[in-house]
Protein backbone atom coordinates (compact mmCIF):
# COMPACT_ATOMS: atom_id res chain seq x y z
CA MET A 1 75.83 34.41 56.30
CA ARG A 2 78.60 36.37 54.58
CA TYR A 3 81.64 34.72 53.09
CA THR A 4 85.21 35.99 52.73
CA LYS A 5 88.56 34.45 51.90
CA ARG A 6 90.41 36.84 54.16
CA ALA A 7 92.20 36.30 57.44
CA GLY A 8 93.47 38.64 60.13
CA LEU A 9 93.61 39.52 63.79
CA LEU A 10 91.62 42.15 65.60
CA ALA A 11 92.23 43.56 69.07
CA SER A 12 89.00 44.82 70.56
CA ALA A 13 90.32 47.25 73.17
CA GLY A 14 90.30 50.68 71.56
CA ALA A 15 89.04 49.14 68.32
CA VAL A 16 92.59 48.61 67.10
CA VAL A 17 92.55 46.51 63.95
CA LEU A 18 95.51 44.21 63.29
CA LEU A 19 95.82 42.55 59.90
CA SER A 20 97.84 39.72 58.41
CA GLY A 21 98.19 39.52 54.66
CA CYS A 22 94.90 40.57 53.11
CA GLY A 23 92.82 41.28 56.17
CA MET A 24 89.19 41.07 57.18
CA LEU A 25 87.70 43.90 59.22
CA GLU A 26 85.31 42.86 61.96
CA ASN A 27 83.22 44.89 64.39
CA ALA A 28 85.23 45.26 67.58
CA SER A 29 82.23 44.15 69.62
CA GLY A 30 82.50 40.75 67.95
CA SER A 31 79.17 41.15 66.16
CA GLY A 32 80.59 40.83 62.66
CA ASP A 33 80.23 37.60 60.74
CA ASP A 34 83.34 35.42 60.47
CA ALA A 35 82.90 32.76 57.81
CA ASP A 36 85.19 31.40 55.18
CA ALA A 37 84.49 31.06 51.47
CA PRO A 38 82.43 28.03 50.40
CA PRO A 39 84.85 25.14 50.82
CA PRO A 40 86.73 23.25 48.15
CA ALA A 41 86.76 19.47 48.25
CA PRO A 42 88.21 18.66 51.69
CA THR A 43 91.21 16.47 52.35
CA THR A 44 91.45 13.91 55.09
CA SER A 45 93.63 16.31 57.08
CA ALA A 46 90.94 19.00 57.06
CA ALA A 47 88.43 17.08 59.13
CA GLU A 48 88.13 13.76 60.90
CA GLN A 49 84.89 12.26 59.64
CA THR A 50 82.90 9.77 61.68
CA THR A 51 79.90 7.95 60.28
CA PRO A 52 78.41 5.54 62.82
CA GLN A 53 77.75 1.96 61.72
CA ASN A 54 74.27 2.24 63.21
CA PRO A 55 73.28 5.87 62.73
CA ALA A 56 70.75 7.40 65.08
CA PRO A 57 67.31 7.88 63.56
CA ALA A 58 66.51 11.21 61.99
CA ALA A 59 65.60 13.76 64.63
CA GLY A 60 63.95 16.54 62.71
CA ASN A 61 61.89 17.40 65.79
CA ALA A 62 64.89 17.45 68.14
CA GLN A 63 64.54 20.08 70.84
CA THR A 64 67.03 22.89 70.37
CA THR A 65 69.06 24.40 73.20
CA PRO A 66 67.54 27.68 74.45
CA PRO A 67 69.49 30.92 73.98
CA GLY A 68 71.55 31.83 77.03
CA THR A 69 72.16 28.24 78.11
CA LYS A 70 75.39 27.69 80.09
CA LEU A 71 77.16 24.36 79.53
CA ARG A 72 80.30 22.60 80.70
CA LEU A 73 82.94 21.21 78.37
CA GLY A 74 81.70 17.91 76.98
CA GLN A 75 78.03 18.90 77.03
CA ARG A 76 76.18 19.15 73.72
CA ALA A 77 74.12 22.04 72.43
CA VAL A 78 71.56 21.39 69.68
CA VAL A 79 70.96 24.32 67.35
CA PRO A 80 69.25 25.05 64.03
CA PHE A 81 71.65 25.31 61.12
CA GLU A 82 71.22 26.73 57.63
CA TYR A 83 73.64 26.42 54.74
CA ALA A 84 73.16 27.06 51.02
CA GLY A 85 69.39 26.98 51.32
CA ARG A 86 69.34 23.77 53.38
CA THR A 87 68.00 23.90 56.93
CA GLY A 88 68.82 21.28 59.52
CA THR A 89 69.70 20.69 63.15
CA ILE A 90 73.21 20.10 64.46
CA GLY A 91 74.84 19.29 67.77
CA ILE A 92 77.93 21.15 68.98
CA THR A 93 80.10 19.75 71.78
CA VAL A 94 83.12 21.72 72.98
CA THR A 95 85.66 19.10 73.99
CA ALA A 96 88.73 21.16 74.94
CA ILE A 97 90.14 24.68 75.25
CA GLN A 98 93.92 24.60 75.00
CA ARG A 99 96.76 27.11 75.06
CA GLY A 100 98.06 27.40 71.51
CA ASP A 101 101.50 27.45 69.91
CA GLN A 102 102.89 30.90 70.69
CA ALA A 103 105.78 30.60 68.23
CA ALA A 104 103.49 29.62 65.35
CA PHE A 105 101.09 32.41 66.31
CA GLN A 106 103.84 35.02 66.25
CA GLN A 107 105.20 33.68 62.98
CA ARG A 108 101.75 33.96 61.39
CA PHE A 109 100.86 37.43 62.66
CA GLY A 110 104.30 38.91 63.35
CA SER A 111 104.51 42.00 65.55
CA ARG A 112 100.72 42.29 65.46
CA ALA A 113 100.55 39.31 67.82
CA ALA A 114 102.55 41.10 70.53
CA GLY A 115 100.84 41.01 73.89
CA MET A 116 98.43 38.25 72.88
CA ALA A 117 98.28 34.52 73.59
CA PRO A 118 96.64 32.00 71.23
CA TYR A 119 94.08 29.41 72.31
CA TYR A 120 92.52 26.47 70.49
CA ILE A 121 88.81 25.75 70.91
CA ARG A 122 88.19 22.14 69.87
CA TYR A 123 84.69 20.88 69.24
CA THR A 124 82.64 18.12 67.63
CA VAL A 125 79.79 18.83 65.21
CA GLU A 126 77.03 16.24 64.79
CA ASN A 127 74.21 15.98 62.27
CA VAL A 128 71.18 15.68 64.54
CA GLY A 129 68.27 16.32 62.20
CA GLY A 130 69.33 14.11 59.30
CA THR A 131 69.32 16.88 56.67
CA ASP A 132 72.01 16.57 54.01
CA LEU A 133 74.54 19.14 55.28
CA SER A 134 77.54 17.71 53.46
CA ARG A 135 80.08 20.22 52.19
CA SER A 136 78.76 22.88 54.58
CA SER A 137 80.95 25.14 56.72
CA ALA A 138 81.66 24.40 60.35
CA PRO A 139 79.75 26.57 62.83
CA LEU A 140 81.94 29.23 64.40
CA LEU A 141 82.55 29.58 68.13
CA GLY A 142 84.09 32.58 69.83
CA GLY A 143 86.34 32.67 72.87
CA VAL A 144 85.31 34.26 76.17
CA GLY A 145 87.25 35.13 79.31
CA PRO A 146 86.89 33.58 82.78
CA ASP A 147 83.97 35.90 83.54
CA GLY A 148 82.22 35.08 80.27
CA GLY A 149 83.18 38.45 78.80
CA SER A 150 85.55 39.58 76.08
CA THR A 151 89.11 38.28 75.91
CA GLY A 152 90.27 41.56 74.35
CA ALA A 153 91.14 39.99 70.99
CA VAL A 154 89.52 38.22 68.07
CA VAL A 155 91.55 36.14 65.63
CA ILE A 156 90.39 35.38 62.11
CA GLY A 157 92.40 32.53 60.65
CA SER A 158 93.98 29.23 61.65
CA LEU A 159 97.29 27.64 62.60
CA PRO A 160 98.74 24.19 61.97
CA GLY A 161 97.22 22.02 64.66
CA CYS A 162 94.06 24.13 64.82
CA GLU A 163 92.41 24.15 61.44
CA ARG A 164 88.76 24.52 60.63
CA GLY A 165 87.36 21.06 59.88
CA ARG A 166 84.67 20.62 57.26
CA PRO A 167 82.20 17.82 56.62
CA ASP A 168 82.29 15.70 53.49
CA GLU A 169 79.53 13.66 51.84
CA SER A 170 79.13 11.51 54.94
CA PHE A 171 77.59 14.44 56.83
CA ALA A 172 74.23 13.74 55.19
CA ALA A 173 72.62 11.52 57.81
CA ALA A 174 71.73 11.77 61.48
CA GLY A 175 74.58 10.70 63.72
CA ALA A 176 77.42 11.71 61.39
CA LYS A 177 80.15 13.74 63.13
CA TYR A 178 83.35 15.62 62.44
CA GLN A 179 85.97 17.46 64.49
CA THR A 180 86.93 21.09 64.07
CA CYS A 181 88.99 23.77 65.82
CA ARG A 182 88.74 27.55 66.22
CA LEU A 183 91.78 29.74 66.82
CA GLN A 184 91.14 32.53 69.33
CA ALA A 185 93.35 34.73 71.50
CA ALA A 186 93.52 36.65 74.76
CA ARG A 187 95.56 39.65 75.78
CA SER A 188 98.56 38.95 78.03
CA GLY A 189 97.40 38.33 81.57
CA GLY A 190 94.05 37.06 80.37
CA ALA A 191 92.84 33.71 79.12
CA VAL A 192 90.28 32.06 76.90
CA ALA A 193 88.31 30.12 79.50
CA GLY A 194 85.16 29.38 77.54
CA ALA A 195 83.45 29.41 74.17
CA GLU A 196 80.22 30.88 72.86
CA TYR A 197 77.88 30.26 69.94
CA GLU A 198 76.10 33.41 68.79
CA GLU A 199 74.64 32.84 65.33
CA ARG A 200 71.47 34.65 64.33
CA GLU A 201 69.62 31.42 63.54
CA GLY A 202 67.85 30.35 66.71
CA GLY A 203 68.09 33.74 68.42
CA TYR A 204 71.62 33.30 69.80
CA ARG A 205 73.10 36.58 68.58
CA ASP A 206 72.03 38.58 71.63
CA ASN A 207 71.96 35.66 74.06
CA PRO A 208 74.62 33.08 73.11
CA ILE A 209 75.08 29.54 74.29
CA MET A 210 78.23 29.35 76.41
CA TRP A 211 80.61 26.56 77.43
CA MET A 212 82.96 27.18 80.37
CA SER A 213 85.99 25.12 81.36
């Protein structure tokens, strides 16, 4: 997993790269890694933490979701997860895909946002295996169009109201959860109708898990 502190916006059609501030270049096919720098101590506004009063037992042998699985919003995928040398198992549940704040999007990216519409992918991350994954980074989901294909744009960054949540020390036991959001975009006339998980761990890079609304 590569880390960068940069943020930007990339339009895939014609491999046109659009940047905001100091920008991050990403493969137009969407195969580049998109991960932030190792996080500082989070604030309560960065992530809503939930630690159940009666946590589920450790599930180190939990069955992971096969590559290529198609899910509906609200259904959970269980995937292997590695961070800073620690290996565990997490659950990812996409809860909503919403049209984003166009004005805030244009203010952030300026003229580079012309012809694009922002979308928020909201999802819950759960510690399934019981490994201490506190202070890790949230798994990244990408947006897909109504046909499950490219939306024509990839956004790297966040907006107020759609910020990348991070776990704190409570994400060290099975059953702990937190909420996060991924900013994505579609070209005008298109839409972000689903989300995909395509990390290398678990074999999802070439055959991602997909949630469709």
